[in-house]
Amino acid sequence: MLADFNFRVIFEYLPLFLTGLRATFLISIVSIALALCTGIIACACRISPARVLKYPAIAYIEIIRSTPLLVQIYFLYFGLPTLGVRIPEIQTGILALMLNSGAYIAEIIRAGINSVDEGQLEAGISSGLNYVQRMRFIILPQALGVTIPPLLGQAIVLVKDSALLSLISVAELTRSGQLMTSERFMPTEAFFTVAFFYMCIYFVLKALAEWSQKKLIFREAY
C-alpha cells in the first residue's frame, strides 16, 4: 500500500492543506467563542423563573438537539435566502456551528449549575444578591470550573463537525481534500492528510482537556 502512496503530491498540495487548516482553526475558534456565549445565555434563560425567557430557551435547545447538524446547515444555507437574508458561506457555517454547539453547551452548564451546593445559593439570597448577581458572582464561576472538561469535549466535537461546512463550499480542511481529489483523483492521499491534521487538532485539545482536569477543576479540600 505504501508503495503506491504518493507523498510527493501531498507535499505539492501542502500549502492548500495548510490554508484549509488555518480556516478550520479560525472558524472553530470563532464558533466556540460564540457558542459559549450563546450557551451561557440559553442556560440562564432555561433556568430562569420567567416563562417568557424559559420556554423559548427550552424550544431552542430541544429543536437543535433533536435535529442533525447537516440539516441545520442546509436550512440556514438554502432557507435564509428564500426569506431575503443572504450571508456568505463562511458566516452561515459559523452561525450553524454556534447555534448547534450553543444548545449542547447550555445543557452542560446547566448540569454544572445543578452541581453547585444549594447552601451557597441560599447564602447569596440572604446577602441580598438578586438573580443576575447570584448567577454572575456565585453560580457561573463554579459551574464553568466544573464543566471545563465537557466543554473542551464539545469543542473537539465542534472542530470535527466543521468538516460538514465543506458541503456548502467553505474552504476549510476537508474542502482542501475534496479539491485535491477532484484535481488528481487521489482520495487516499487527500483524506489521509485531512485525517492527519484533524488528529493533530484532536490530540492538542485532548491534552488541554486533561491538563484542565488536573489543574482547573474546583476540588473539595481533604
N, C-alpha and C. Protein backbone atom coordinates (compact mmCIF):
# COMPACT_ATOMS: atom_id res chain seq x y z
N MET A 1 0.83 -1.21 0.00
CA MET A 1 0.00 0.00 0.00
C MET A 1 0.86 1.26 0.00
N LEU A 2 1.90 1.26 0.88
CA LEU A 2 2.76 2.44 0.95
C LEU A 2 3.54 2.65 -0.34
N ALA A 3 3.77 1.55 -1.10
CA ALA A 3 4.50 1.68 -2.36
C ALA A 3 3.71 2.50 -3.36
N ASP A 4 2.39 2.44 -3.27
CA ASP A 4 1.53 3.20 -4.18
C ASP A 4 1.12 4.56 -3.61
N PHE A 5 1.54 4.83 -2.38
CA PHE A 5 1.16 6.08 -1.73
C PHE A 5 2.08 7.19 -2.20
N ASN A 6 1.48 8.26 -2.74
CA ASN A 6 2.27 9.34 -3.37
C ASN A 6 2.44 10.50 -2.40
N PHE A 7 3.56 10.48 -1.66
CA PHE A 7 3.85 11.56 -0.73
C PHE A 7 4.21 12.85 -1.45
N ARG A 8 4.75 12.72 -2.66
CA ARG A 8 5.16 13.91 -3.41
C ARG A 8 3.97 14.82 -3.69
N VAL A 9 2.84 14.22 -4.05
CA VAL A 9 1.65 15.01 -4.33
C VAL A 9 1.13 15.68 -3.06
N ILE A 10 1.25 14.98 -1.93
CA ILE A 10 0.83 15.57 -0.66
C ILE A 10 1.64 16.83 -0.37
N PHE A 11 2.96 16.73 -0.54
CA PHE A 11 3.81 17.91 -0.31
C PHE A 11 3.51 19.01 -1.33
N GLU A 12 3.13 18.62 -2.53
CA GLU A 12 2.77 19.62 -3.55
C GLU A 12 1.52 20.39 -3.15
N TYR A 13 0.58 19.69 -2.53
CA TYR A 13 -0.68 20.32 -2.11
C TYR A 13 -0.64 20.79 -0.65
N LEU A 14 0.50 20.70 -0.01
CA LEU A 14 0.60 21.08 1.39
C LEU A 14 0.16 22.52 1.65
N PRO A 15 0.53 23.51 0.81
CA PRO A 15 0.03 24.88 1.04
C PRO A 15 -1.49 24.96 1.05
N LEU A 16 -2.14 24.17 0.20
CA LEU A 16 -3.61 24.15 0.18
C LEU A 16 -4.15 23.59 1.49
N PHE A 17 -3.54 22.52 1.97
CA PHE A 17 -4.00 21.93 3.24
C PHE A 17 -3.73 22.87 4.42
N LEU A 18 -2.61 23.55 4.40
CA LEU A 18 -2.31 24.49 5.49
C LEU A 18 -3.28 25.66 5.48
N THR A 19 -3.68 26.09 4.28
CA THR A 19 -4.69 27.15 4.18
C THR A 19 -6.02 26.66 4.74
N GLY A 20 -6.40 25.42 4.39
CA GLY A 20 -7.63 24.84 4.94
C GLY A 20 -7.56 24.64 6.43
N LEU A 21 -6.37 24.24 6.93
CA LEU A 21 -6.19 24.07 8.37
C LEU A 21 -6.35 25.39 9.09
N ARG A 22 -5.78 26.44 8.54
CA ARG A 22 -5.92 27.77 9.15
C ARG A 22 -7.38 28.21 9.16
N ALA A 23 -8.09 27.96 8.06
CA ALA A 23 -9.51 28.32 8.01
C ALA A 23 -10.31 27.52 9.03
N THR A 24 -10.02 26.22 9.14
CA THR A 24 -10.70 25.39 10.14
C THR A 24 -10.44 25.90 11.54
N PHE A 25 -9.19 26.27 11.81
CA PHE A 25 -8.83 26.78 13.14
C PHE A 25 -9.58 28.07 13.45
N LEU A 26 -9.60 29.01 12.50
CA LEU A 26 -10.27 30.29 12.74
C LEU A 26 -11.78 30.10 12.89
N ILE A 27 -12.37 29.29 12.02
CA ILE A 27 -13.81 29.02 12.10
C ILE A 27 -14.15 28.39 13.45
N SER A 28 -13.32 27.44 13.88
CA SER A 28 -13.58 26.74 15.15
C SER A 28 -13.46 27.68 16.33
N ILE A 29 -12.41 28.52 16.34
CA ILE A 29 -12.22 29.44 17.46
C ILE A 29 -13.38 30.41 17.58
N VAL A 30 -13.78 31.01 16.45
CA VAL A 30 -14.89 31.97 16.47
C VAL A 30 -16.19 31.28 16.86
N SER A 31 -16.43 30.09 16.31
CA SER A 31 -17.66 29.36 16.62
C SER A 31 -17.72 28.95 18.07
N ILE A 32 -16.60 28.49 18.62
CA ILE A 32 -16.57 28.08 20.02
C ILE A 32 -16.84 29.27 20.94
N ALA A 33 -16.21 30.42 20.65
CA ALA A 33 -16.42 31.61 21.47
C ALA A 33 -17.88 32.05 21.43
N LEU A 34 -18.46 32.09 20.23
CA LEU A 34 -19.86 32.49 20.10
C LEU A 34 -20.80 31.45 20.71
N ALA A 35 -20.46 30.17 20.55
CA ALA A 35 -21.30 29.11 21.12
C ALA A 35 -21.28 29.16 22.64
N LEU A 36 -20.14 29.51 23.22
CA LEU A 36 -20.06 29.62 24.68
C LEU A 36 -20.96 30.75 25.18
N CYS A 37 -20.91 31.88 24.49
CA CYS A 37 -21.80 33.00 24.87
C CYS A 37 -23.26 32.60 24.69
N THR A 38 -23.56 31.96 23.57
CA THR A 38 -24.94 31.52 23.31
C THR A 38 -25.40 30.52 24.36
N GLY A 39 -24.51 29.57 24.71
CA GLY A 39 -24.87 28.57 25.69
C GLY A 39 -25.13 29.15 27.06
N ILE A 40 -24.30 30.12 27.47
CA ILE A 40 -24.50 30.75 28.78
C ILE A 40 -25.83 31.49 28.82
N ILE A 41 -26.13 32.24 27.75
CA ILE A 41 -27.40 32.98 27.69
C ILE A 41 -28.58 32.02 27.68
N ALA A 42 -28.49 30.97 26.84
CA ALA A 42 -29.59 30.00 26.74
C ALA A 42 -29.79 29.28 28.06
N CYS A 43 -28.70 28.96 28.75
CA CYS A 43 -28.81 28.28 30.04
C CYS A 43 -29.45 29.20 31.08
N ALA A 44 -29.02 30.47 31.09
CA ALA A 44 -29.60 31.42 32.04
C ALA A 44 -31.10 31.58 31.81
N CYS A 45 -31.50 31.62 30.54
CA CYS A 45 -32.93 31.72 30.23
C CYS A 45 -33.65 30.42 30.58
N ARG A 46 -32.97 29.30 30.33
CA ARG A 46 -33.59 27.98 30.58
C ARG A 46 -33.94 27.79 32.06
N ILE A 47 -33.10 28.28 32.95
CA ILE A 47 -33.34 28.09 34.39
C ILE A 47 -34.01 29.30 35.02
N SER A 48 -34.32 30.29 34.19
CA SER A 48 -34.97 31.49 34.72
C SER A 48 -36.41 31.19 35.12
N PRO A 49 -36.89 31.81 36.19
CA PRO A 49 -38.29 31.61 36.58
C PRO A 49 -39.27 32.31 35.64
N ALA A 50 -38.77 33.24 34.82
CA ALA A 50 -39.64 33.97 33.90
C ALA A 50 -40.00 33.10 32.71
N ARG A 51 -41.28 32.84 32.51
CA ARG A 51 -41.69 31.96 31.42
C ARG A 51 -41.37 32.53 30.05
N VAL A 52 -41.37 33.84 29.92
CA VAL A 52 -41.10 34.46 28.62
C VAL A 52 -39.66 34.19 28.19
N LEU A 53 -38.78 33.88 29.12
CA LEU A 53 -37.40 33.52 28.81
C LEU A 53 -37.21 32.00 28.80
N LYS A 54 -37.86 31.33 29.71
CA LYS A 54 -37.63 29.90 29.90
C LYS A 54 -38.11 29.06 28.72
N TYR A 55 -39.32 29.28 28.26
CA TYR A 55 -39.88 28.40 27.24
C TYR A 55 -39.25 28.58 25.86
N PRO A 56 -38.93 29.83 25.42
CA PRO A 56 -38.18 29.94 24.16
C PRO A 56 -36.81 29.26 24.23
N ALA A 57 -36.15 29.35 25.40
CA ALA A 57 -34.84 28.69 25.56
C ALA A 57 -34.99 27.17 25.47
N ILE A 58 -36.02 26.63 26.11
CA ILE A 58 -36.28 25.18 26.04
C ILE A 58 -36.53 24.76 24.60
N ALA A 59 -37.35 25.56 23.89
CA ALA A 59 -37.65 25.24 22.49
C ALA A 59 -36.38 25.24 21.64
N TYR A 60 -35.54 26.25 21.82
CA TYR A 60 -34.28 26.33 21.06
C TYR A 60 -33.41 25.12 21.33
N ILE A 61 -33.21 24.78 22.60
CA ILE A 61 -32.33 23.68 22.97
C ILE A 61 -32.86 22.35 22.43
N GLU A 62 -34.15 22.12 22.58
CA GLU A 62 -34.72 20.84 22.15
C GLU A 62 -34.74 20.70 20.63
N ILE A 63 -35.05 21.80 19.94
CA ILE A 63 -35.07 21.74 18.47
C ILE A 63 -33.68 21.46 17.92
N ILE A 64 -32.69 22.15 18.44
CA ILE A 64 -31.32 21.97 17.95
C ILE A 64 -30.81 20.56 18.26
N ARG A 65 -31.08 20.07 19.46
CA ARG A 65 -30.56 18.76 19.87
C ARG A 65 -31.29 17.61 19.19
N SER A 66 -32.48 17.86 18.67
CA SER A 66 -33.26 16.78 18.05
C SER A 66 -33.12 16.73 16.53
N THR A 67 -32.34 17.64 15.95
CA THR A 67 -32.16 17.66 14.51
C THR A 67 -30.68 17.56 14.17
N PRO A 68 -30.33 16.92 13.05
CA PRO A 68 -28.92 16.78 12.67
C PRO A 68 -28.30 18.13 12.29
N LEU A 69 -27.01 18.25 12.55
CA LEU A 69 -26.30 19.49 12.21
C LEU A 69 -26.35 19.76 10.71
N LEU A 70 -26.25 18.70 9.90
CA LEU A 70 -26.28 18.89 8.45
C LEU A 70 -27.59 19.51 8.00
N VAL A 71 -28.70 19.08 8.59
CA VAL A 71 -30.00 19.66 8.27
C VAL A 71 -30.02 21.14 8.65
N GLN A 72 -29.45 21.47 9.79
CA GLN A 72 -29.40 22.86 10.24
C GLN A 72 -28.56 23.72 9.29
N ILE A 73 -27.44 23.17 8.83
CA ILE A 73 -26.59 23.90 7.88
C ILE A 73 -27.34 24.16 6.59
N TYR A 74 -27.99 23.12 6.06
CA TYR A 74 -28.74 23.28 4.82
C TYR A 74 -29.91 24.24 4.98
N PHE A 75 -30.56 24.19 6.15
CA PHE A 75 -31.68 25.11 6.39
C PHE A 75 -31.21 26.56 6.35
N LEU A 76 -30.08 26.83 7.00
CA LEU A 76 -29.56 28.20 7.01
C LEU A 76 -29.03 28.61 5.63
N TYR A 77 -28.37 27.66 4.95
CA TYR A 77 -27.73 27.99 3.68
C TYR A 77 -28.75 28.18 2.55
N PHE A 78 -29.75 27.29 2.52
CA PHE A 78 -30.74 27.37 1.46
C PHE A 78 -32.02 28.08 1.89
N GLY A 79 -32.32 28.03 3.20
CA GLY A 79 -33.57 28.60 3.67
C GLY A 79 -33.54 30.10 3.87
N LEU A 80 -32.44 30.62 4.43
CA LEU A 80 -32.37 32.05 4.69
C LEU A 80 -32.51 32.90 3.42
N PRO A 81 -31.87 32.51 2.29
CA PRO A 81 -32.05 33.33 1.07
C PRO A 81 -33.51 33.42 0.61
N THR A 82 -34.30 32.36 0.86
CA THR A 82 -35.71 32.43 0.48
C THR A 82 -36.49 33.41 1.35
N LEU A 83 -35.92 33.75 2.53
CA LEU A 83 -36.54 34.73 3.41
C LEU A 83 -35.96 36.13 3.20
N GLY A 84 -35.09 36.24 2.20
CA GLY A 84 -34.49 37.54 1.90
C GLY A 84 -33.23 37.84 2.69
N VAL A 85 -32.71 36.85 3.40
CA VAL A 85 -31.49 37.04 4.19
C VAL A 85 -30.35 36.30 3.51
N ARG A 86 -29.37 37.03 3.03
CA ARG A 86 -28.24 36.42 2.32
C ARG A 86 -26.95 36.75 3.05
N ILE A 87 -26.25 35.71 3.51
CA ILE A 87 -24.96 35.89 4.15
C ILE A 87 -23.97 34.92 3.51
N PRO A 88 -22.68 35.26 3.49
CA PRO A 88 -21.68 34.39 2.86
C PRO A 88 -21.62 33.00 3.50
N GLU A 89 -21.02 32.07 2.76
CA GLU A 89 -20.98 30.69 3.21
C GLU A 89 -20.28 30.54 4.56
N ILE A 90 -19.15 31.22 4.74
CA ILE A 90 -18.39 31.03 5.96
C ILE A 90 -19.17 31.54 7.18
N GLN A 91 -19.88 32.67 7.02
CA GLN A 91 -20.71 33.17 8.12
C GLN A 91 -21.88 32.23 8.40
N THR A 92 -22.43 31.64 7.33
CA THR A 92 -23.51 30.67 7.51
C THR A 92 -23.01 29.47 8.30
N GLY A 93 -21.81 29.00 7.97
CA GLY A 93 -21.24 27.87 8.68
C GLY A 93 -20.98 28.18 10.14
N ILE A 94 -20.43 29.36 10.42
CA ILE A 94 -20.17 29.76 11.80
C ILE A 94 -21.48 29.87 12.57
N LEU A 95 -22.50 30.43 11.95
CA LEU A 95 -23.81 30.55 12.60
C LEU A 95 -24.37 29.18 12.95
N ALA A 96 -24.27 28.23 12.00
CA ALA A 96 -24.78 26.88 12.25
C ALA A 96 -24.03 26.21 13.39
N LEU A 97 -22.71 26.30 13.38
CA LEU A 97 -21.91 25.68 14.44
C LEU A 97 -22.19 26.34 15.79
N MET A 98 -22.36 27.66 15.78
CA MET A 98 -22.64 28.39 17.01
C MET A 98 -23.97 27.94 17.61
N LEU A 99 -25.02 27.90 16.80
CA LEU A 99 -26.34 27.53 17.30
C LEU A 99 -26.36 26.08 17.76
N ASN A 100 -25.69 25.20 17.01
CA ASN A 100 -25.69 23.78 17.36
C ASN A 100 -24.94 23.54 18.66
N SER A 101 -23.71 24.01 18.75
CA SER A 101 -22.93 23.79 19.96
C SER A 101 -23.48 24.57 21.15
N GLY A 102 -24.08 25.74 20.87
CA GLY A 102 -24.65 26.54 21.95
C GLY A 102 -25.71 25.80 22.74
N ALA A 103 -26.52 25.00 22.04
CA ALA A 103 -27.56 24.23 22.72
C ALA A 103 -26.97 23.17 23.64
N TYR A 104 -25.93 22.50 23.17
CA TYR A 104 -25.28 21.48 24.00
C TYR A 104 -24.51 22.10 25.15
N ILE A 105 -23.87 23.23 24.90
CA ILE A 105 -23.15 23.93 25.96
C ILE A 105 -24.12 24.39 27.04
N ALA A 106 -25.30 24.84 26.63
CA ALA A 106 -26.31 25.27 27.60
C ALA A 106 -26.66 24.14 28.57
N GLU A 107 -26.81 22.93 28.05
CA GLU A 107 -27.12 21.79 28.90
C GLU A 107 -25.93 21.39 29.77
N ILE A 108 -24.72 21.52 29.23
CA ILE A 108 -23.52 21.22 30.02
C ILE A 108 -23.42 22.18 31.21
N ILE A 109 -23.63 23.47 30.93
CA ILE A 109 -23.54 24.47 32.00
C ILE A 109 -24.67 24.29 33.00
N ARG A 110 -25.85 23.93 32.50
CA ARG A 110 -26.98 23.70 33.42
C ARG A 110 -26.67 22.55 34.38
N ALA A 111 -26.02 21.51 33.86
CA ALA A 111 -25.62 20.41 34.74
C ALA A 111 -24.60 20.88 35.77
N GLY A 112 -23.70 21.78 35.35
CA GLY A 112 -22.73 22.33 36.29
C GLY A 112 -23.39 23.20 37.35
N ILE A 113 -24.39 23.98 36.93
CA ILE A 113 -25.12 24.82 37.88
C ILE A 113 -25.86 23.96 38.90
N ASN A 114 -26.45 22.88 38.43
CA ASN A 114 -27.17 22.00 39.35
C ASN A 114 -26.25 21.31 40.35
N SER A 115 -24.95 21.28 40.01
CA SER A 115 -23.99 20.65 40.92
C SER A 115 -23.52 21.60 42.02
N VAL A 116 -23.83 22.91 41.89
CA VAL A 116 -23.44 23.87 42.93
C VAL A 116 -24.29 23.66 44.16
N ASP A 117 -23.67 23.65 45.31
CA ASP A 117 -24.37 23.42 46.56
C ASP A 117 -25.45 24.47 46.79
N GLU A 118 -26.64 24.03 47.17
CA GLU A 118 -27.76 24.95 47.38
C GLU A 118 -27.49 25.92 48.54
N GLY A 119 -26.63 25.51 49.46
CA GLY A 119 -26.31 26.40 50.57
C GLY A 119 -25.65 27.69 50.12
N GLN A 120 -24.86 27.62 49.07
CA GLN A 120 -24.23 28.84 48.55
C GLN A 120 -25.26 29.74 47.90
N LEU A 121 -26.23 29.14 47.23
CA LEU A 121 -27.31 29.92 46.64
C LEU A 121 -28.13 30.61 47.73
N GLU A 122 -28.42 29.90 48.78
CA GLU A 122 -29.17 30.49 49.89
C GLU A 122 -28.38 31.60 50.57
N ALA A 123 -27.05 31.42 50.65
CA ALA A 123 -26.21 32.46 51.22
C ALA A 123 -26.25 33.73 50.37
N GLY A 124 -26.27 33.54 49.03
CA GLY A 124 -26.37 34.69 48.15
C GLY A 124 -27.69 35.42 48.30
N ILE A 125 -28.76 34.66 48.46
CA ILE A 125 -30.08 35.26 48.65
C ILE A 125 -30.12 36.03 49.97
N SER A 126 -29.58 35.43 51.02
CA SER A 126 -29.58 36.10 52.33
C SER A 126 -28.68 37.33 52.34
N SER A 127 -27.72 37.38 51.43
CA SER A 127 -26.84 38.55 51.34
C SER A 127 -27.47 39.69 50.54
N GLY A 128 -28.64 39.44 49.97
CA GLY A 128 -29.34 40.49 49.23
C GLY A 128 -29.01 40.53 47.75
N LEU A 129 -28.33 39.51 47.24
CA LEU A 129 -27.99 39.50 45.81
C LEU A 129 -29.22 39.13 44.99
N ASN A 130 -29.42 39.83 43.89
CA ASN A 130 -30.53 39.48 43.02
C ASN A 130 -30.14 38.30 42.12
N TYR A 131 -31.05 37.90 41.22
CA TYR A 131 -30.82 36.71 40.40
C TYR A 131 -29.58 36.85 39.53
N VAL A 132 -29.45 38.00 38.85
CA VAL A 132 -28.31 38.22 37.97
C VAL A 132 -27.00 38.22 38.75
N GLN A 133 -26.99 38.86 39.91
CA GLN A 133 -25.78 38.90 40.73
C GLN A 133 -25.41 37.52 41.26
N ARG A 134 -26.40 36.73 41.63
CA ARG A 134 -26.10 35.38 42.10
C ARG A 134 -25.50 34.53 40.98
N MET A 135 -26.04 34.67 39.78
CA MET A 135 -25.51 33.93 38.64
C MET A 135 -24.08 34.37 38.33
N ARG A 136 -23.84 35.69 38.39
CA ARG A 136 -22.55 36.22 37.98
C ARG A 136 -21.44 35.93 39.01
N PHE A 137 -21.74 36.12 40.27
CA PHE A 137 -20.68 36.07 41.28
C PHE A 137 -20.58 34.73 42.02
N ILE A 138 -21.63 33.94 42.02
CA ILE A 138 -21.62 32.71 42.81
C ILE A 138 -21.71 31.47 41.94
N ILE A 139 -22.74 31.40 41.11
CA ILE A 139 -23.05 30.15 40.42
C ILE A 139 -22.18 29.91 39.19
N LEU A 140 -22.17 30.87 38.25
CA LEU A 140 -21.46 30.65 36.99
C LEU A 140 -19.96 30.39 37.15
N PRO A 141 -19.23 31.13 38.00
CA PRO A 141 -17.80 30.82 38.14
C PRO A 141 -17.54 29.38 38.55
N GLN A 142 -18.34 28.87 39.49
CA GLN A 142 -18.16 27.48 39.92
C GLN A 142 -18.63 26.50 38.86
N ALA A 143 -19.74 26.82 38.20
CA ALA A 143 -20.27 25.92 37.17
C ALA A 143 -19.30 25.80 36.01
N LEU A 144 -18.72 26.92 35.59
CA LEU A 144 -17.76 26.89 34.49
C LEU A 144 -16.52 26.09 34.87
N GLY A 145 -16.10 26.23 36.13
CA GLY A 145 -14.94 25.46 36.56
C GLY A 145 -15.19 23.97 36.50
N VAL A 146 -16.35 23.54 36.95
CA VAL A 146 -16.69 22.12 36.95
C VAL A 146 -16.86 21.58 35.53
N THR A 147 -17.35 22.42 34.62
CA THR A 147 -17.71 21.94 33.29
C THR A 147 -16.63 22.15 32.25
N ILE A 148 -15.42 22.54 32.65
CA ILE A 148 -14.36 22.77 31.67
C ILE A 148 -14.06 21.51 30.85
N PRO A 149 -13.87 20.33 31.45
CA PRO A 149 -13.61 19.14 30.62
C PRO A 149 -14.71 18.83 29.61
N PRO A 150 -16.00 18.78 30.01
CA PRO A 150 -17.02 18.53 28.98
C PRO A 150 -17.14 19.65 27.95
N LEU A 151 -16.83 20.89 28.35
CA LEU A 151 -16.85 21.98 27.38
C LEU A 151 -15.75 21.80 26.35
N LEU A 152 -14.57 21.38 26.80
CA LEU A 152 -13.49 21.11 25.85
C LEU A 152 -13.84 19.90 24.97
N GLY A 153 -14.55 18.94 25.54
CA GLY A 153 -15.02 17.82 24.73
C GLY A 153 -15.98 18.29 23.64
N GLN A 154 -16.85 19.23 23.98
CA GLN A 154 -17.76 19.79 22.98
C GLN A 154 -16.99 20.59 21.94
N ALA A 155 -15.90 21.23 22.36
CA ALA A 155 -15.06 21.96 21.40
C ALA A 155 -14.45 21.00 20.39
N ILE A 156 -14.04 19.82 20.86
CA ILE A 156 -13.49 18.81 19.95
C ILE A 156 -14.56 18.37 18.94
N VAL A 157 -15.77 18.17 19.43
CA VAL A 157 -16.87 17.79 18.54
C VAL A 157 -17.12 18.88 17.51
N LEU A 158 -17.08 20.14 17.93
CA LEU A 158 -17.31 21.26 17.00
C LEU A 158 -16.25 21.29 15.91
N VAL A 159 -14.99 21.08 16.28
CA VAL A 159 -13.92 21.09 15.28
C VAL A 159 -14.15 20.01 14.24
N LYS A 160 -14.53 18.82 14.67
CA LYS A 160 -14.79 17.74 13.72
C LYS A 160 -16.05 18.02 12.89
N ASP A 161 -17.06 18.61 13.52
CA ASP A 161 -18.28 18.94 12.79
C ASP A 161 -18.06 20.02 11.75
N SER A 162 -17.01 20.82 11.91
CA SER A 162 -16.74 21.87 10.92
C SER A 162 -16.46 21.28 9.54
N ALA A 163 -16.13 19.98 9.47
CA ALA A 163 -15.92 19.33 8.18
C ALA A 163 -17.17 19.36 7.31
N LEU A 164 -18.34 19.43 7.95
CA LEU A 164 -19.60 19.47 7.19
C LEU A 164 -19.74 20.75 6.39
N LEU A 165 -19.00 21.79 6.77
CA LEU A 165 -19.09 23.05 6.03
C LEU A 165 -18.54 22.93 4.62
N SER A 166 -17.76 21.87 4.37
CA SER A 166 -17.27 21.65 3.01
C SER A 166 -18.41 21.42 2.04
N LEU A 167 -19.56 20.97 2.55
CA LEU A 167 -20.72 20.70 1.69
C LEU A 167 -21.38 21.96 1.19
N ILE A 168 -21.06 23.11 1.81
CA ILE A 168 -21.58 24.39 1.30
C ILE A 168 -20.41 25.23 0.78
N SER A 169 -19.33 24.53 0.37
CA SER A 169 -18.19 25.14 -0.33
C SER A 169 -17.36 26.10 0.53
N VAL A 170 -17.35 25.89 1.85
CA VAL A 170 -16.46 26.66 2.71
C VAL A 170 -15.06 26.08 2.56
N ALA A 171 -14.08 26.94 2.33
CA ALA A 171 -12.71 26.49 2.04
C ALA A 171 -11.97 26.14 3.33
N GLU A 172 -12.41 25.04 3.96
CA GLU A 172 -11.73 24.59 5.18
C GLU A 172 -10.95 23.31 4.87
N LEU A 173 -10.55 22.59 5.91
CA LEU A 173 -9.62 21.48 5.74
C LEU A 173 -10.17 20.35 4.87
N THR A 174 -11.39 19.92 5.14
CA THR A 174 -11.98 18.84 4.35
C THR A 174 -12.18 19.26 2.90
N ARG A 175 -12.52 20.52 2.69
CA ARG A 175 -12.67 21.03 1.33
C ARG A 175 -11.36 20.95 0.57
N SER A 176 -10.25 21.14 1.26
CA SER A 176 -8.94 21.02 0.62
C SER A 176 -8.74 19.60 0.11
N GLY A 177 -9.14 18.61 0.90
CA GLY A 177 -9.05 17.23 0.45
C GLY A 177 -9.94 16.95 -0.74
N GLN A 178 -11.12 17.55 -0.76
CA GLN A 178 -12.02 17.37 -1.89
C GLN A 178 -11.44 17.98 -3.17
N LEU A 179 -10.81 19.15 -3.03
CA LEU A 179 -10.21 19.79 -4.20
C LEU A 179 -9.06 18.97 -4.76
N MET A 180 -8.22 18.43 -3.88
CA MET A 180 -7.12 17.59 -4.34
C MET A 180 -7.64 16.34 -5.03
N THR A 181 -8.69 15.76 -4.48
CA THR A 181 -9.28 14.56 -5.08
C THR A 181 -9.84 14.85 -6.46
N SER A 182 -10.50 15.99 -6.61
CA SER A 182 -11.09 16.34 -7.90
C SER A 182 -10.04 16.66 -8.95
N GLU A 183 -8.89 17.18 -8.53
CA GLU A 183 -7.85 17.55 -9.48
C GLU A 183 -6.92 16.38 -9.82
N ARG A 184 -6.59 15.57 -8.84
CA ARG A 184 -5.62 14.48 -9.05
C ARG A 184 -6.25 13.10 -8.91
N PHE A 185 -7.46 13.01 -8.45
CA PHE A 185 -8.14 11.73 -8.19
C PHE A 185 -7.26 10.82 -7.34
N MET A 186 -6.87 11.37 -6.19
CA MET A 186 -6.08 10.61 -5.21
C MET A 186 -6.76 10.73 -3.86
N PRO A 187 -7.93 10.09 -3.70
CA PRO A 187 -8.67 10.24 -2.44
C PRO A 187 -7.93 9.69 -1.22
N THR A 188 -7.13 8.64 -1.42
CA THR A 188 -6.40 8.06 -0.28
C THR A 188 -5.42 9.07 0.29
N GLU A 189 -4.59 9.65 -0.58
CA GLU A 189 -3.61 10.64 -0.13
C GLU A 189 -4.30 11.88 0.42
N ALA A 190 -5.36 12.31 -0.25
CA ALA A 190 -6.03 13.55 0.14
C ALA A 190 -6.64 13.42 1.54
N PHE A 191 -7.42 12.38 1.74
CA PHE A 191 -8.16 12.30 3.01
C PHE A 191 -7.31 11.67 4.12
N PHE A 192 -6.22 10.99 3.77
CA PHE A 192 -5.24 10.62 4.79
C PHE A 192 -4.63 11.88 5.39
N THR A 193 -4.30 12.85 4.54
CA THR A 193 -3.73 14.11 5.01
C THR A 193 -4.74 14.88 5.84
N VAL A 194 -5.99 14.92 5.38
CA VAL A 194 -7.05 15.59 6.15
C VAL A 194 -7.20 14.95 7.52
N ALA A 195 -7.25 13.63 7.54
CA ALA A 195 -7.41 12.91 8.81
C ALA A 195 -6.22 13.17 9.73
N PHE A 196 -5.02 13.24 9.18
CA PHE A 196 -3.83 13.50 9.99
C PHE A 196 -3.92 14.85 10.68
N PHE A 197 -4.34 15.88 9.95
CA PHE A 197 -4.45 17.21 10.56
C PHE A 197 -5.55 17.25 11.62
N TYR A 198 -6.67 16.58 11.36
CA TYR A 198 -7.73 16.53 12.37
C TYR A 198 -7.26 15.79 13.62
N MET A 199 -6.46 14.75 13.44
CA MET A 199 -5.92 14.03 14.59
C MET A 199 -5.00 14.92 15.40
N CYS A 200 -4.20 15.75 14.72
CA CYS A 200 -3.32 16.68 15.43
C CYS A 200 -4.14 17.64 16.28
N ILE A 201 -5.21 18.20 15.69
CA ILE A 201 -6.08 19.11 16.43
C ILE A 201 -6.71 18.39 17.62
N TYR A 202 -7.16 17.15 17.38
CA TYR A 202 -7.81 16.38 18.44
C TYR A 202 -6.88 16.15 19.62
N PHE A 203 -5.66 15.74 19.35
CA PHE A 203 -4.74 15.42 20.45
C PHE A 203 -4.31 16.67 21.21
N VAL A 204 -4.23 17.81 20.52
CA VAL A 204 -3.93 19.07 21.21
C VAL A 204 -5.07 19.42 22.17
N LEU A 205 -6.31 19.35 21.68
CA LEU A 205 -7.46 19.65 22.54
C LEU A 205 -7.62 18.62 23.65
N LYS A 206 -7.33 17.36 23.35
CA LYS A 206 -7.43 16.31 24.37
C LYS A 206 -6.41 16.56 25.48
N ALA A 207 -5.19 16.95 25.10
CA ALA A 207 -4.17 17.25 26.10
C ALA A 207 -4.59 18.45 26.95
N LEU A 208 -5.21 19.45 26.30
CA LEU A 208 -5.69 20.61 27.03
C LEU A 208 -6.79 20.22 28.01
N ALA A 209 -7.68 19.33 27.59
CA ALA A 209 -8.75 18.87 28.48
C ALA A 209 -8.19 18.11 29.68
N GLU A 210 -7.20 17.26 29.43
CA GLU A 210 -6.61 16.50 30.53
C GLU A 210 -5.86 17.43 31.49
N TRP A 211 -5.18 18.43 30.92
CA TRP A 211 -4.48 19.39 31.78
C TRP A 211 -5.46 20.17 32.64
N SER A 212 -6.57 20.60 32.03
CA SER A 212 -7.56 21.38 32.77
C SER A 212 -8.20 20.55 33.87
N GLN A 213 -8.38 19.26 33.60
CA GLN A 213 -9.00 18.39 34.60
C GLN A 213 -8.11 18.27 35.83
N LYS A 214 -6.80 18.36 35.62
CA LYS A 214 -5.86 18.25 36.73
C LYS A 214 -5.65 19.58 37.45
N LYS A 215 -5.71 20.69 36.69
CA LYS A 215 -5.30 21.97 37.25
C LYS A 215 -6.45 22.94 37.53
N LEU A 216 -7.52 22.87 36.75
CA LEU A 216 -8.51 23.93 36.80
C LEU A 216 -9.83 23.54 37.46
N ILE A 217 -10.02 22.25 37.72
CA ILE A 217 -11.29 21.84 38.31
C ILE A 217 -11.32 22.19 39.79
N PHE A 218 -12.44 22.74 40.24
CA PHE A 218 -12.63 23.00 41.65
C PHE A 218 -12.77 21.68 42.38
N ARG A 219 -11.87 21.44 43.33
CA ARG A 219 -11.90 20.18 44.07
C ARG A 219 -12.22 20.45 45.52
N GLU A 220 -12.79 19.47 46.15
CA GLU A 220 -13.07 19.59 47.57
C GLU A 220 -11.77 19.42 48.33
N ALA A 221 -11.60 20.21 49.36
CA ALA A 221 -10.40 20.11 50.20
C ALA A 221 -10.54 18.89 51.11
N TYR A 222 -9.44 18.18 51.22
CA TYR A 222 -9.45 16.99 52.08
C TYR A 222 -8.81 17.31 53.41
